[in-house]
Amino acid sequence: MPLIKKDEVFPPRPVTIIIVGTPFSYKTSLSITSKDPILFDSEKGSERAHGRAETYRIGTSWKEVEEDLQQGLLTPFKTAIIDTGGSVI
């Protein structure tokens, strides 16, 4: 990494947050209040969230998400929410 002098601005970087809680504790509802969110729904549970966000239902593999990323379909969004991380892995 190059030297960053004290009067220079640090380069921007994404923030990663993991919200942990018991089932039905409004984790998804909280997350979709972020700026320009897209919800990657891997368990078809997005309809239980309070409020709505653009939702991408993942079918059989993450490969379809990668293809849509390459095509630029997901560029308008500033926040990616993965629900749930364990099922995507």
C-alpha atoms as a PDB file:
ATOM      1  CA  MET A   1       0.000   0.000   0.000  1.00  0.00           C
ATOM      2  CA  PRO A   2       1.368   3.438  -0.862  1.00  0.00           C
ATOM      3  CA  LEU A   3       2.212   5.990   1.772  1.00  0.00           C
ATOM      4  CA  ILE A   4      -0.708   8.221   2.758  1.00  0.00           C
ATOM      5  CA  LYS A   5       0.498  11.539   4.073  1.00  0.00           C
ATOM      6  CA  LYS A   6      -1.169  13.130   7.081  1.00  0.00           C
ATOM      7  CA  ASP A   7      -2.895  15.842   5.020  1.00  0.00           C
ATOM      8  CA  GLU A   8      -4.284  13.366   2.455  1.00  0.00           C
ATOM      9  CA  VAL A   9      -7.737  11.825   2.588  1.00  0.00           C
ATOM     10  CA  PHE A  10      -7.975   8.079   3.054  1.00  0.00           C
ATOM     11  CA  PRO A  11      -9.446   6.254   0.060  1.00  0.00           C
ATOM     12  CA  PRO A  12     -13.111   5.268   0.496  1.00  0.00           C
ATOM     13  CA  ARG A  13     -13.889   1.696   1.471  1.00  0.00           C
ATOM     14  CA  PRO A  14     -17.088  -0.230   2.042  1.00  0.00           C
ATOM     15  CA  VAL A  15     -18.461  -0.844   5.498  1.00  0.00           C
ATOM     16  CA  THR A  16     -19.450  -4.403   6.425  1.00  0.00           C
ATOM     17  CA  ILE A  17     -21.975  -4.943   9.203  1.00  0.00           C
ATOM     18  CA  ILE A  18     -23.376  -8.248  10.449  1.00  0.00           C
ATOM     19  CA  ILE A  19     -26.690  -8.075  12.286  1.00  0.00           C
ATOM     20  CA  VAL A  20     -27.226 -11.024  14.613  1.00  0.00           C
ATOM     21  CA  GLY A  21     -30.387 -11.853  16.539  1.00  0.00           C
ATOM     22  CA  THR A  22     -33.075 -14.353  17.215  1.00  0.00           C
ATOM     23  CA  PRO A  23     -35.584 -15.209  14.473  1.00  0.00           C
ATOM     24  CA  PHE A  24     -38.237 -12.515  13.918  1.00  0.00           C
ATOM     25  CA  SER A  25     -36.207  -9.827  15.714  1.00  0.00           C
ATOM     26  CA  TYR A  26     -36.497  -7.378  12.758  1.00  0.00           C
ATOM     27  CA  LYS A  27     -32.942  -7.827  11.447  1.00  0.00           C
ATOM     28  CA  THR A  28     -34.024  -7.595   7.805  1.00  0.00           C
ATOM     29  CA  SER A  29     -36.441  -4.762   8.554  1.00  0.00           C
ATOM     30  CA  LEU A  30     -33.581  -2.803  10.112  1.00  0.00           C
ATOM     31  CA  SER A  31     -31.205  -3.528   7.266  1.00  0.00           C
ATOM     32  CA  ILE A  32     -33.546  -2.321   4.508  1.00  0.00           C
ATOM     33  CA  THR A  33     -33.606   1.156   6.074  1.00  0.00           C
ATOM     34  CA  SER A  34     -30.084   1.654   4.674  1.00  0.00           C
ATOM     35  CA  LYS A  35     -29.324   3.888   1.690  1.00  0.00           C
ATOM     36  CA  ASP A  36     -30.460   2.521  -1.707  1.00  0.00           C
ATOM     37  CA  PRO A  37     -30.659  -1.123  -0.560  1.00  0.00           C
ATOM     38  CA  ILE A  38     -31.026  -4.316  -2.516  1.00  0.00           C
ATOM     39  CA  LEU A  39     -32.004  -7.399  -0.566  1.00  0.00           C
ATOM     40  CA  PHE A  40     -30.543 -10.710  -1.741  1.00  0.00           C
ATOM     41  CA  ASP A  41     -33.149 -13.153  -0.495  1.00  0.00           C
ATOM     42  CA  SER A  42     -31.883 -16.720  -0.377  1.00  0.00           C
ATOM     43  CA  GLU A  43     -34.600 -18.202   1.843  1.00  0.00           C
ATOM     44  CA  LYS A  44     -37.696 -16.569   0.319  1.00  0.00           C
ATOM     45  CA  GLY A  45     -38.428 -14.762   3.571  1.00  0.00           C
ATOM     46  CA  SER A  46     -38.326 -11.151   2.382  1.00  0.00           C
ATOM     47  CA  GLU A  47     -42.097 -10.767   2.569  1.00  0.00           C
ATOM     48  CA  ARG A  48     -41.906 -10.979   6.379  1.00  0.00           C
ATOM     49  CA  ALA A  49     -39.859  -7.762   6.597  1.00  0.00           C
ATOM     50  CA  HIS A  50     -41.574  -4.531   7.610  1.00  0.00           C
ATOM     51  CA  GLY A  51     -41.161  -2.147   4.712  1.00  0.00           C
ATOM     52  CA  ARG A  52     -39.931  -3.054   1.260  1.00  0.00           C
ATOM     53  CA  ALA A  53     -36.692  -2.890  -0.631  1.00  0.00           C
ATOM     54  CA  GLU A  54     -35.776  -3.994  -4.118  1.00  0.00           C
ATOM     55  CA  THR A  55     -35.441  -7.746  -3.726  1.00  0.00           C
ATOM     56  CA  TYR A  56     -33.340 -10.193  -5.686  1.00  0.00           C
ATOM     57  CA  ARG A  57     -34.454 -13.760  -5.079  1.00  0.00           C
ATOM     58  CA  ILE A  58     -31.502 -16.083  -5.481  1.00  0.00           C
ATOM     59  CA  GLY A  59     -32.537 -19.219  -7.325  1.00  0.00           C
ATOM     60  CA  THR A  60     -30.157 -22.144  -7.371  1.00  0.00           C
ATOM     61  CA  SER A  61     -26.684 -20.591  -7.226  1.00  0.00           C
ATOM     62  CA  TRP A  62     -24.678 -17.427  -6.645  1.00  0.00           C
ATOM     63  CA  LYS A  63     -23.521 -17.688 -10.274  1.00  0.00           C
ATOM     64  CA  GLU A  64     -26.697 -15.952 -11.484  1.00  0.00           C
ATOM     65  CA  VAL A  65     -25.939 -13.018  -9.161  1.00  0.00           C
ATOM     66  CA  GLU A  66     -22.392 -12.775 -10.552  1.00  0.00           C
ATOM     67  CA  GLU A  67     -23.751 -12.697 -14.110  1.00  0.00           C
ATOM     68  CA  ASP A  68     -26.202  -9.899 -13.268  1.00  0.00           C
ATOM     69  CA  LEU A  69     -23.398  -7.964 -11.555  1.00  0.00           C
ATOM     70  CA  GLN A  70     -21.282  -8.215 -14.705  1.00  0.00           C
ATOM     71  CA  GLN A  71     -24.208  -6.981 -16.824  1.00  0.00           C
ATOM     72  CA  GLY A  72     -24.590  -3.911 -14.574  1.00  0.00           C
ATOM     73  CA  LEU A  73     -28.095  -4.800 -13.400  1.00  0.00           C
ATOM     74  CA  LEU A  74     -27.192  -4.203  -9.753  1.00  0.00           C
ATOM     75  CA  THR A  75     -25.139  -0.999 -10.064  1.00  0.00           C
ATOM     76  CA  PRO A  76     -27.879   1.466  -8.955  1.00  0.00           C
ATOM     77  CA  PHE A  77     -27.775   0.132  -5.400  1.00  0.00           C
ATOM     78  CA  LYS A  78     -25.500   1.407  -2.640  1.00  0.00           C
ATOM     79  CA  THR A  79     -26.207  -1.241   0.015  1.00  0.00           C
ATOM     80  CA  ALA A  80     -26.232  -5.010  -0.473  1.00  0.00           C
ATOM     81  CA  ILE A  81     -28.122  -7.035   2.134  1.00  0.00           C
ATOM     82  CA  ILE A  82     -27.682 -10.800   2.156  1.00  0.00           C
ATOM     83  CA  ASP A  83     -30.441 -12.691   3.971  1.00  0.00           C
ATOM     84  CA  THR A  84     -29.259 -15.016   5.193  1.00  0.00           C
ATOM     85  CA  GLY A  85     -25.492 -15.258   4.924  1.00  0.00           C
ATOM     86  CA  GLY A  86     -25.395 -18.843   6.115  1.00  0.00           C
ATOM     87  CA  SER A  87     -27.678 -20.106   3.374  1.00  0.00           C
ATOM     88  CA  VAL A  88     -25.723 -18.254   0.693  1.00  0.00           C
ATOM     89  CA  ILE A  89     -22.490 -19.904   1.807  1.00  0.00           C
END
